[in-house]
Amino acid sequence: MDQPPTPSPAGMSLTQVQQWVLSVLAFTVIEHFAAGLAVAGVFADDQDARVGLNVLAGVTGVMAVAAFRALHAKSMLSAWLLLGPLPGLVGAYFTFR
């Protein structure tokens, strides 16, 4: 009981934690913007505006994934980019169902 606590194994450095916080924050903010574009597409009156807003939501989603990868100094071209158009696809589903 009188022994000092053993040091824990090496964790993440402050730089790594800052990198994760910044990348998750950037991804979340950009994805919220993409979701807002998709919601605007659902409620738009003009058919061209609906299509355009959902396309913009998909492109913005791809940029969010690319920003996340870039902040981690990884190649932006990866299979994760396939998740990028998801806001646009979900918005298109609710727009044209």
PDB file of N, CA and C in Angstrom:
ATOM      1  N   MET A   1       0.802  -1.196   0.000  1.00  0.00           N
ATOM      2  CA  MET A   1       0.000   0.000   0.000  1.00  0.00           C
ATOM      3  C   MET A   1       0.850   1.267   0.000  1.00  0.00           C
ATOM      4  N   ASP A   2       2.065   1.174   0.517  1.00  0.00           N
ATOM      5  CA  ASP A   2       2.913   2.346   0.592  1.00  0.00           C
ATOM      6  C   ASP A   2       3.755   2.544  -0.667  1.00  0.00           C
ATOM      7  N   GLN A   3       3.560   1.715  -1.670  1.00  0.00           N
ATOM      8  CA  GLN A   3       4.347   1.838  -2.889  1.00  0.00           C
ATOM      9  C   GLN A   3       3.796   2.977  -3.751  1.00  0.00           C
ATOM     10  N   PRO A   4       4.685   3.730  -4.388  1.00  0.00           N
ATOM     11  CA  PRO A   4       4.199   4.795  -5.282  1.00  0.00           C
ATOM     12  C   PRO A   4       3.507   4.183  -6.498  1.00  0.00           C
ATOM     13  N   PRO A   5       2.561   4.895  -7.087  1.00  0.00           N
ATOM     14  CA  PRO A   5       1.865   4.347  -8.254  1.00  0.00           C
ATOM     15  C   PRO A   5       2.836   4.170  -9.417  1.00  0.00           C
ATOM     16  N   THR A   6       2.638   3.108 -10.148  1.00  0.00           N
ATOM     17  CA  THR A   6       3.501   2.866 -11.303  1.00  0.00           C
ATOM     18  C   THR A   6       3.064   3.768 -12.446  1.00  0.00           C
ATOM     19  N   PRO A   7       4.016   4.298 -13.189  1.00  0.00           N
ATOM     20  CA  PRO A   7       3.638   5.179 -14.303  1.00  0.00           C
ATOM     21  C   PRO A   7       2.899   4.392 -15.382  1.00  0.00           C
ATOM     22  N   SER A   8       1.929   5.014 -15.953  1.00  0.00           N
ATOM     23  CA  SER A   8       1.159   4.355 -17.009  1.00  0.00           C
ATOM     24  C   SER A   8       1.990   4.328 -18.289  1.00  0.00           C
ATOM     25  N   PRO A   9       1.663   3.414 -19.203  1.00  0.00           N
ATOM     26  CA  PRO A   9       2.407   3.371 -20.459  1.00  0.00           C
ATOM     27  C   PRO A   9       2.235   4.690 -21.216  1.00  0.00           C
ATOM     28  N   ALA A  10       3.174   4.950 -22.079  1.00  0.00           N
ATOM     29  CA  ALA A  10       3.164   6.215 -22.820  1.00  0.00           C
ATOM     30  C   ALA A  10       1.845   6.379 -23.562  1.00  0.00           C
ATOM     31  N   GLY A  11       1.209   7.513 -23.358  1.00  0.00           N
ATOM     32  CA  GLY A  11      -0.044   7.813 -24.028  1.00  0.00           C
ATOM     33  C   GLY A  11       0.213   8.707 -25.227  1.00  0.00           C
ATOM     34  N   MET A  12      -0.793   9.414 -25.609  1.00  0.00           N
ATOM     35  CA  MET A  12      -0.672  10.323 -26.744  1.00  0.00           C
ATOM     36  C   MET A  12       0.022  11.605 -26.299  1.00  0.00           C
ATOM     37  N   SER A  13       0.771  12.181 -27.206  1.00  0.00           N
ATOM     38  CA  SER A  13       1.423  13.450 -26.899  1.00  0.00           C
ATOM     39  C   SER A  13       0.397  14.577 -27.042  1.00  0.00           C
ATOM     40  N   LEU A  14       0.758  15.726 -26.553  1.00  0.00           N
ATOM     41  CA  LEU A  14      -0.136  16.886 -26.645  1.00  0.00           C
ATOM     42  C   LEU A  14      -0.417  17.238 -28.099  1.00  0.00           C
ATOM     43  N   THR A  15       0.577  17.111 -28.950  1.00  0.00           N
ATOM     44  CA  THR A  15       0.393  17.406 -30.373  1.00  0.00           C
ATOM     45  C   THR A  15      -0.606  16.448 -31.006  1.00  0.00           C
ATOM     46  N   GLN A  16      -0.528  15.176 -30.660  1.00  0.00           N
ATOM     47  CA  GLN A  16      -1.477  14.207 -31.202  1.00  0.00           C
ATOM     48  C   GLN A  16      -2.897  14.484 -30.732  1.00  0.00           C
ATOM     49  N   VAL A  17      -3.044  14.855 -29.482  1.00  0.00           N
ATOM     50  CA  VAL A  17      -4.375  15.166 -28.960  1.00  0.00           C
ATOM     51  C   VAL A  17      -4.930  16.401 -29.661  1.00  0.00           C
ATOM     52  N   GLN A  18      -4.101  17.415 -29.838  1.00  0.00           N
ATOM     53  CA  GLN A  18      -4.549  18.618 -30.539  1.00  0.00           C
ATOM     54  C   GLN A  18      -4.944  18.298 -31.975  1.00  0.00           C
ATOM     55  N   GLN A  19      -4.186  17.426 -32.610  1.00  0.00           N
ATOM     56  CA  GLN A  19      -4.479  17.028 -33.979  1.00  0.00           C
ATOM     57  C   GLN A  19      -5.835  16.323 -34.062  1.00  0.00           C
ATOM     58  N   TRP A  20      -6.100  15.422 -33.136  1.00  0.00           N
ATOM     59  CA  TRP A  20      -7.388  14.722 -33.124  1.00  0.00           C
ATOM     60  C   TRP A  20      -8.540  15.663 -32.830  1.00  0.00           C
ATOM     61  N   VAL A  21      -8.364  16.557 -31.880  1.00  0.00           N
ATOM     62  CA  VAL A  21      -9.446  17.497 -31.544  1.00  0.00           C
ATOM     63  C   VAL A  21      -9.749  18.389 -32.734  1.00  0.00           C
ATOM     64  N   LEU A  22      -8.719  18.919 -33.380  1.00  0.00           N
ATOM     65  CA  LEU A  22      -8.928  19.802 -34.524  1.00  0.00           C
ATOM     66  C   LEU A  22      -9.585  19.062 -35.683  1.00  0.00           C
ATOM     67  N   SER A  23      -9.148  17.857 -35.968  1.00  0.00           N
ATOM     68  CA  SER A  23      -9.706  17.131 -37.104  1.00  0.00           C
ATOM     69  C   SER A  23     -11.155  16.719 -36.852  1.00  0.00           C
ATOM     70  N   VAL A  24     -11.467  16.294 -35.645  1.00  0.00           N
ATOM     71  CA  VAL A  24     -12.853  15.929 -35.334  1.00  0.00           C
ATOM     72  C   VAL A  24     -13.746  17.167 -35.350  1.00  0.00           C
ATOM     73  N   LEU A  25     -13.255  18.278 -34.843  1.00  0.00           N
ATOM     74  CA  LEU A  25     -14.033  19.518 -34.857  1.00  0.00           C
ATOM     75  C   LEU A  25     -14.283  19.985 -36.286  1.00  0.00           C
ATOM     76  N   ALA A  26     -13.239  19.974 -37.118  1.00  0.00           N
ATOM     77  CA  ALA A  26     -13.401  20.398 -38.513  1.00  0.00           C
ATOM     78  C   ALA A  26     -14.375  19.479 -39.244  1.00  0.00           C
ATOM     79  N   PHE A  27     -14.241  18.173 -39.055  1.00  0.00           N
ATOM     80  CA  PHE A  27     -15.135  17.220 -39.710  1.00  0.00           C
ATOM     81  C   PHE A  27     -16.584  17.447 -39.287  1.00  0.00           C
ATOM     82  N   THR A  28     -16.795  17.638 -37.992  1.00  0.00           N
ATOM     83  CA  THR A  28     -18.152  17.827 -37.476  1.00  0.00           C
ATOM     84  C   THR A  28     -18.783  19.108 -38.018  1.00  0.00           C
ATOM     85  N   VAL A  29     -18.026  20.191 -38.033  1.00  0.00           N
ATOM     86  CA  VAL A  29     -18.567  21.470 -38.522  1.00  0.00           C
ATOM     87  C   VAL A  29     -18.894  21.370 -40.008  1.00  0.00           C
ATOM     88  N   ILE A  30     -17.989  20.789 -40.795  1.00  0.00           N
ATOM     89  CA  ILE A  30     -18.237  20.688 -42.233  1.00  0.00           C
ATOM     90  C   ILE A  30     -19.402  19.750 -42.525  1.00  0.00           C
ATOM     91  N   GLU A  31     -19.518  18.669 -41.790  1.00  0.00           N
ATOM     92  CA  GLU A  31     -20.638  17.746 -42.004  1.00  0.00           C
ATOM     93  C   GLU A  31     -21.974  18.364 -41.605  1.00  0.00           C
ATOM     94  N   HIS A  32     -21.972  19.209 -40.576  1.00  0.00           N
ATOM     95  CA  HIS A  32     -23.204  19.918 -40.236  1.00  0.00           C
ATOM     96  C   HIS A  32     -23.617  20.854 -41.368  1.00  0.00           C
ATOM     97  N   PHE A  33     -22.643  21.498 -41.984  1.00  0.00           N
ATOM     98  CA  PHE A  33     -22.944  22.355 -43.128  1.00  0.00           C
ATOM     99  C   PHE A  33     -23.509  21.526 -44.282  1.00  0.00           C
ATOM    100  N   ALA A  34     -22.913  20.355 -44.539  1.00  0.00           N
ATOM    101  CA  ALA A  34     -23.404  19.477 -45.601  1.00  0.00           C
ATOM    102  C   ALA A  34     -24.826  19.001 -45.307  1.00  0.00           C
ATOM    103  N   ALA A  35     -25.092  18.674 -44.058  1.00  0.00           N
ATOM    104  CA  ALA A  35     -26.449  18.252 -43.690  1.00  0.00           C
ATOM    105  C   ALA A  35     -27.437  19.402 -43.871  1.00  0.00           C
ATOM    106  N   GLY A  36     -27.020  20.619 -43.561  1.00  0.00           N
ATOM    107  CA  GLY A  36     -27.884  21.781 -43.773  1.00  0.00           C
ATOM    108  C   GLY A  36     -28.203  21.984 -45.242  1.00  0.00           C
ATOM    109  N   LEU A  37     -27.222  21.766 -46.105  1.00  0.00           N
ATOM    110  CA  LEU A  37     -27.485  21.854 -47.544  1.00  0.00           C
ATOM    111  C   LEU A  37     -28.482  20.792 -47.986  1.00  0.00           C
ATOM    112  N   ALA A  38     -28.356  19.587 -47.450  1.00  0.00           N
ATOM    113  CA  ALA A  38     -29.285  18.514 -47.807  1.00  0.00           C
ATOM    114  C   ALA A  38     -30.701  18.819 -47.319  1.00  0.00           C
ATOM    115  N   VAL A  39     -30.806  19.359 -46.122  1.00  0.00           N
ATOM    116  CA  VAL A  39     -32.135  19.731 -45.596  1.00  0.00           C
ATOM    117  C   VAL A  39     -32.735  20.863 -46.431  1.00  0.00           C
ATOM    118  N   ALA A  40     -31.911  21.818 -46.831  1.00  0.00           N
ATOM    119  CA  ALA A  40     -32.404  22.890 -47.695  1.00  0.00           C
ATOM    120  C   ALA A  40     -32.881  22.323 -49.023  1.00  0.00           C
ATOM    121  N   GLY A  41     -32.213  21.279 -49.517  1.00  0.00           N
ATOM    122  CA  GLY A  41     -32.653  20.638 -50.749  1.00  0.00           C
ATOM    123  C   GLY A  41     -34.007  19.969 -50.607  1.00  0.00           C
ATOM    124  N   VAL A  42     -34.287  19.435 -49.446  1.00  0.00           N
ATOM    125  CA  VAL A  42     -35.587  18.793 -49.218  1.00  0.00           C
ATOM    126  C   VAL A  42     -36.711  19.824 -49.285  1.00  0.00           C
ATOM    127  N   PHE A  43     -36.474  21.015 -48.761  1.00  0.00           N
ATOM    128  CA  PHE A  43     -37.526  22.024 -48.671  1.00  0.00           C
ATOM    129  C   PHE A  43     -37.507  23.046 -49.802  1.00  0.00           C
ATOM    130  N   ALA A  44     -36.615  22.900 -50.763  1.00  0.00           N
ATOM    131  CA  ALA A  44     -36.558  23.835 -51.890  1.00  0.00           C
ATOM    132  C   ALA A  44     -37.757  23.620 -52.806  1.00  0.00           C
ATOM    133  N   ASP A  45     -38.221  24.712 -53.410  1.00  0.00           N
ATOM    134  CA  ASP A  45     -39.385  24.636 -54.297  1.00  0.00           C
ATOM    135  C   ASP A  45     -38.998  24.221 -55.714  1.00  0.00           C
ATOM    136  N   ASP A  46     -37.885  24.700 -56.189  1.00  0.00           N
ATOM    137  CA  ASP A  46     -37.460  24.461 -57.562  1.00  0.00           C
ATOM    138  C   ASP A  46     -36.726  23.116 -57.669  1.00  0.00           C
ATOM    139  N   GLN A  47     -37.035  22.350 -58.719  1.00  0.00           N
ATOM    140  CA  GLN A  47     -36.407  21.043 -58.909  1.00  0.00           C
ATOM    141  C   GLN A  47     -34.896  21.173 -59.108  1.00  0.00           C
ATOM    142  N   ASP A  48     -34.464  22.179 -59.862  1.00  0.00           N
ATOM    143  CA  ASP A  48     -33.029  22.380 -60.085  1.00  0.00           C
ATOM    144  C   ASP A  48     -32.306  22.707 -58.784  1.00  0.00           C
ATOM    145  N   ALA A  49     -32.951  23.477 -57.932  1.00  0.00           N
ATOM    146  CA  ALA A  49     -32.344  23.816 -56.641  1.00  0.00           C
ATOM    147  C   ALA A  49     -32.211  22.571 -55.770  1.00  0.00           C
ATOM    148  N   ARG A  50     -33.184  21.698 -55.817  1.00  0.00           N
ATOM    149  CA  ARG A  50     -33.111  20.451 -55.037  1.00  0.00           C
ATOM    150  C   ARG A  50     -31.910  19.615 -55.450  1.00  0.00           C
ATOM    151  N   VAL A  51     -31.763  19.449 -56.761  1.00  0.00           N
ATOM    152  CA  VAL A  51     -30.644  18.658 -57.270  1.00  0.00           C
ATOM    153  C   VAL A  51     -29.323  19.331 -56.915  1.00  0.00           C
ATOM    154  N   GLY A  52     -29.240  20.630 -57.157  1.00  0.00           N
ATOM    155  CA  GLY A  52     -27.999  21.356 -56.895  1.00  0.00           C
ATOM    156  C   GLY A  52     -27.598  21.331 -55.435  1.00  0.00           C
ATOM    157  N   LEU A  53     -28.541  21.516 -54.530  1.00  0.00           N
ATOM    158  CA  LEU A  53     -28.224  21.503 -53.107  1.00  0.00           C
ATOM    159  C   LEU A  53     -27.773  20.130 -52.635  1.00  0.00           C
ATOM    160  N   ASN A  54     -28.373  19.073 -53.167  1.00  0.00           N
ATOM    161  CA  ASN A  54     -27.943  17.726 -52.783  1.00  0.00           C
ATOM    162  C   ASN A  54     -26.569  17.386 -53.354  1.00  0.00           C
ATOM    163  N   VAL A  55     -26.276  17.869 -54.552  1.00  0.00           N
ATOM    164  CA  VAL A  55     -24.933  17.672 -55.114  1.00  0.00           C
ATOM    165  C   VAL A  55     -23.913  18.427 -54.271  1.00  0.00           C
ATOM    166  N   LEU A  56     -24.227  19.663 -53.902  1.00  0.00           N
ATOM    167  CA  LEU A  56     -23.321  20.435 -53.042  1.00  0.00           C
ATOM    168  C   LEU A  56     -23.128  19.767 -51.682  1.00  0.00           C
ATOM    169  N   ALA A  57     -24.173  19.166 -51.147  1.00  0.00           N
ATOM    170  CA  ALA A  57     -24.043  18.450 -49.872  1.00  0.00           C
ATOM    171  C   ALA A  57     -23.078  17.275 -50.014  1.00  0.00           C
ATOM    172  N   GLY A  58     -23.157  16.561 -51.121  1.00  0.00           N
ATOM    173  CA  GLY A  58     -22.242  15.445 -51.351  1.00  0.00           C
ATOM    174  C   GLY A  58     -20.803  15.901 -51.521  1.00  0.00           C
ATOM    175  N   VAL A  59     -20.602  16.971 -52.273  1.00  0.00           N
ATOM    176  CA  VAL A  59     -19.249  17.507 -52.477  1.00  0.00           C
ATOM    177  C   VAL A  59     -18.679  18.019 -51.161  1.00  0.00           C
ATOM    178  N   THR A  60     -19.508  18.680 -50.370  1.00  0.00           N
ATOM    179  CA  THR A  60     -19.056  19.186 -49.070  1.00  0.00           C
ATOM    180  C   THR A  60     -18.698  18.032 -48.141  1.00  0.00           C
ATOM    181  N   GLY A  61     -19.446  16.946 -48.205  1.00  0.00           N
ATOM    182  CA  GLY A  61     -19.117  15.769 -47.405  1.00  0.00           C
ATOM    183  C   GLY A  61     -17.775  15.166 -47.791  1.00  0.00           C
ATOM    184  N   VAL A  62     -17.492  15.131 -49.088  1.00  0.00           N
ATOM    185  CA  VAL A  62     -16.195  14.629 -49.551  1.00  0.00           C
ATOM    186  C   VAL A  62     -15.078  15.534 -49.039  1.00  0.00           C
ATOM    187  N   MET A  63     -15.313  16.846 -49.055  1.00  0.00           N
ATOM    188  CA  MET A  63     -14.295  17.778 -48.548  1.00  0.00           C
ATOM    189  C   MET A  63     -14.079  17.599 -47.049  1.00  0.00           C
ATOM    190  N   ALA A  64     -15.118  17.243 -46.311  1.00  0.00           N
ATOM    191  CA  ALA A  64     -14.969  17.014 -44.874  1.00  0.00           C
ATOM    192  C   ALA A  64     -14.065  15.811 -44.610  1.00  0.00           C
ATOM    193  N   VAL A  65     -14.272  14.738 -45.358  1.00  0.00           N
ATOM    194  CA  VAL A  65     -13.435  13.555 -45.191  1.00  0.00           C
ATOM    195  C   VAL A  65     -12.000  13.862 -45.603  1.00  0.00           C
ATOM    196  N   ALA A  66     -11.830  14.606 -46.703  1.00  0.00           N
ATOM    197  CA  ALA A  66     -10.489  14.964 -47.162  1.00  0.00           C
ATOM    198  C   ALA A  66      -9.782  15.860 -46.139  1.00  0.00           C
ATOM    199  N   ALA A  67     -10.513  16.786 -45.524  1.00  0.00           N
ATOM    200  CA  ALA A  67      -9.906  17.653 -44.505  1.00  0.00           C
ATOM    201  C   ALA A  67      -9.467  16.840 -43.293  1.00  0.00           C
ATOM    202  N   PHE A  68     -10.283  15.893 -42.882  1.00  0.00           N
ATOM    203  CA  PHE A  68      -9.925  15.030 -41.759  1.00  0.00           C
ATOM    204  C   PHE A  68      -8.635  14.275 -42.059  1.00  0.00           C
ATOM    205  N   ARG A  69      -8.549  13.693 -43.262  1.00  0.00           N
ATOM    206  CA  ARG A  69      -7.354  12.942 -43.640  1.00  0.00           C
ATOM    207  C   ARG A  69      -6.144  13.858 -43.756  1.00  0.00           C
ATOM    208  N   ALA A  70      -6.333  15.062 -44.294  1.00  0.00           N
ATOM    209  CA  ALA A  70      -5.213  15.988 -44.465  1.00  0.00           C
ATOM    210  C   ALA A  70      -4.671  16.449 -43.113  1.00  0.00           C
ATOM    211  N   LEU A  71      -5.546  16.677 -42.147  1.00  0.00           N
ATOM    212  CA  LEU A  71      -5.090  17.110 -40.827  1.00  0.00           C
ATOM    213  C   LEU A  71      -4.298  16.021 -40.107  1.00  0.00           C
ATOM    214  N   HIS A  72      -4.473  14.778 -40.528  1.00  0.00           N
ATOM    215  CA  HIS A  72      -3.693  13.678 -39.963  1.00  0.00           C
ATOM    216  C   HIS A  72      -2.500  13.321 -40.844  1.00  0.00           C
ATOM    217  N   ALA A  73      -2.225  14.162 -41.846  1.00  0.00           N
ATOM    218  CA  ALA A  73      -1.101  13.973 -42.766  1.00  0.00           C
ATOM    219  C   ALA A  73      -1.176  12.620 -43.469  1.00  0.00           C
ATOM    220  N   LYS A  74      -2.370  12.220 -43.819  1.00  0.00           N
ATOM    221  CA  LYS A  74      -2.590  10.980 -44.561  1.00  0.00           C
ATOM    222  C   LYS A  74      -2.949  11.343 -45.996  1.00  0.00           C
ATOM    223  N   SER A  75      -2.847  10.384 -46.878  1.00  0.00           N
ATOM    224  CA  SER A  75      -3.256  10.596 -48.257  1.00  0.00           C
ATOM    225  C   SER A  75      -4.765  10.845 -48.299  1.00  0.00           C
ATOM    226  N   MET A  76      -5.158  11.874 -49.045  1.00  0.00           N
ATOM    227  CA  MET A  76      -6.581  12.193 -49.101  1.00  0.00           C
ATOM    228  C   MET A  76      -7.354  11.185 -49.948  1.00  0.00           C
ATOM    229  N   LEU A  77      -6.667  10.501 -50.852  1.00  0.00           N
ATOM    230  CA  LEU A  77      -7.315   9.485 -51.670  1.00  0.00           C
ATOM    231  C   LEU A  77      -7.338   8.167 -50.914  1.00  0.00           C
ATOM    232  N   SER A  78      -8.508   7.796 -50.448  1.00  0.00           N
ATOM    233  CA  SER A  78      -8.654   6.531 -49.742  1.00  0.00           C
ATOM    234  C   SER A  78     -10.102   6.072 -49.857  1.00  0.00           C
ATOM    235  N   ALA A  79     -10.359   4.895 -49.367  1.00  0.00           N
ATOM    236  CA  ALA A  79     -11.722   4.360 -49.393  1.00  0.00           C
ATOM    237  C   ALA A  79     -12.668   5.163 -48.507  1.00  0.00           C
ATOM    238  N   TRP A  80     -12.120   5.905 -47.542  1.00  0.00           N
ATOM    239  CA  TRP A  80     -12.959   6.713 -46.664  1.00  0.00           C
ATOM    240  C   TRP A  80     -13.702   7.803 -47.438  1.00  0.00           C
ATOM    241  N   LEU A  81     -13.189   8.201 -48.595  1.00  0.00           N
ATOM    242  CA  LEU A  81     -13.869   9.219 -49.396  1.00  0.00           C
ATOM    243  C   LEU A  81     -15.236   8.754 -49.875  1.00  0.00           C
ATOM    244  N   LEU A  82     -15.454   7.443 -49.882  1.00  0.00           N
ATOM    245  CA  LEU A  82     -16.759   6.925 -50.287  1.00  0.00           C
ATOM    246  C   LEU A  82     -17.854   7.304 -49.297  1.00  0.00           C
ATOM    247  N   LEU A  83     -17.483   7.646 -48.064  1.00  0.00           N
ATOM    248  CA  LEU A  83     -18.471   8.107 -47.082  1.00  0.00           C
ATOM    249  C   LEU A  83     -18.832   9.570 -47.274  1.00  0.00           C
ATOM    250  N   GLY A  84     -18.029  10.297 -48.026  1.00  0.00           N
ATOM    251  CA  GLY A  84     -18.249  11.726 -48.216  1.00  0.00           C
ATOM    252  C   GLY A  84     -19.597  12.095 -48.821  1.00  0.00           C
ATOM    253  N   PRO A  85     -20.028  11.438 -49.905  1.00  0.00           N
ATOM    254  CA  PRO A  85     -21.306  11.808 -50.528  1.00  0.00           C
ATOM    255  C   PRO A  85     -22.540  11.402 -49.730  1.00  0.00           C
ATOM    256  N   LEU A  86     -22.356  10.786 -48.581  1.00  0.00           N
ATOM    257  CA  LEU A  86     -23.496  10.299 -47.802  1.00  0.00           C
ATOM    258  C   LEU A  86     -24.535  11.383 -47.483  1.00  0.00           C
ATOM    259  N   PRO A  87     -24.156  12.603 -47.062  1.00  0.00           N
ATOM    260  CA  PRO A  87     -25.194  13.612 -46.811  1.00  0.00           C
ATOM    261  C   PRO A  87     -26.017  13.936 -48.058  1.00  0.00           C
ATOM    262  N   GLY A  88     -25.361  13.997 -49.201  1.00  0.00           N
ATOM    263  CA  GLY A  88     -26.086  14.266 -50.440  1.00  0.00           C
ATOM    264  C   GLY A  88     -27.003  13.127 -50.837  1.00  0.00           C
ATOM    265  N   LEU A  89     -26.559  11.892 -50.622  1.00  0.00           N
ATOM    266  CA  LEU A  89     -27.386  10.739 -50.964  1.00  0.00           C
ATOM    267  C   LEU A  89     -28.597  10.615 -50.044  1.00  0.00           C
ATOM    268  N   VAL A  90     -28.387  10.855 -48.759  1.00  0.00           N
ATOM    269  CA  VAL A  90     -29.514  10.821 -47.814  1.00  0.00           C
ATOM    270  C   VAL A  90     -30.489  11.956 -48.132  1.00  0.00           C
ATOM    271  N   GLY A  91     -29.938  13.130 -48.432  1.00  0.00           N
ATOM    272  CA  GLY A  91     -30.796  14.256 -48.800  1.00  0.00           C
ATOM    273  C   GLY A  91     -31.575  13.974 -50.076  1.00  0.00           C
ATOM    274  N   ALA A  92     -30.930  13.349 -51.053  1.00  0.00           N
ATOM    275  CA  ALA A  92     -31.619  13.009 -52.305  1.00  0.00           C
ATOM    276  C   ALA A  92     -32.716  11.977 -52.059  1.00  0.00           C
ATOM    277  N   TYR A  93     -32.470  11.044 -51.156  1.00  0.00           N
ATOM    278  CA  TYR A  93     -33.500  10.059 -50.843  1.00  0.00           C
ATOM    279  C   TYR A  93     -34.749  10.740 -50.283  1.00  0.00           C
ATOM    280  N   PHE A  94     -34.552  11.640 -49.325  1.00  0.00           N
ATOM    281  CA  PHE A  94     -35.697  12.314 -48.728  1.00  0.00           C
ATOM    282  C   PHE A  94     -36.304  13.359 -49.657  1.00  0.00           C
ATOM    283  N   THR A  95     -35.531  13.877 -50.587  1.00  0.00           N
ATOM    284  CA  THR A  95     -36.047  14.867 -51.532  1.00  0.00           C
ATOM    285  C   THR A  95     -36.928  14.218 -52.589  1.00  0.00           C
ATOM    286  N   PHE A  96     -36.502  13.092 -53.110  1.00  0.00           N
ATOM    287  CA  PHE A  96     -37.175  12.515 -54.282  1.00  0.00           C
ATOM    288  C   PHE A  96     -37.945  11.241 -53.970  1.00  0.00           C
ATOM    289  N   ARG A  97     -38.205  10.934 -52.725  1.00  0.00           N
ATOM    290  CA  ARG A  97     -38.967   9.721 -52.416  1.00  0.00           C
ATOM    291  C   ARG A  97     -40.431   9.883 -52.688  1.00  0.00           C
TER     292      ARG A  97
END
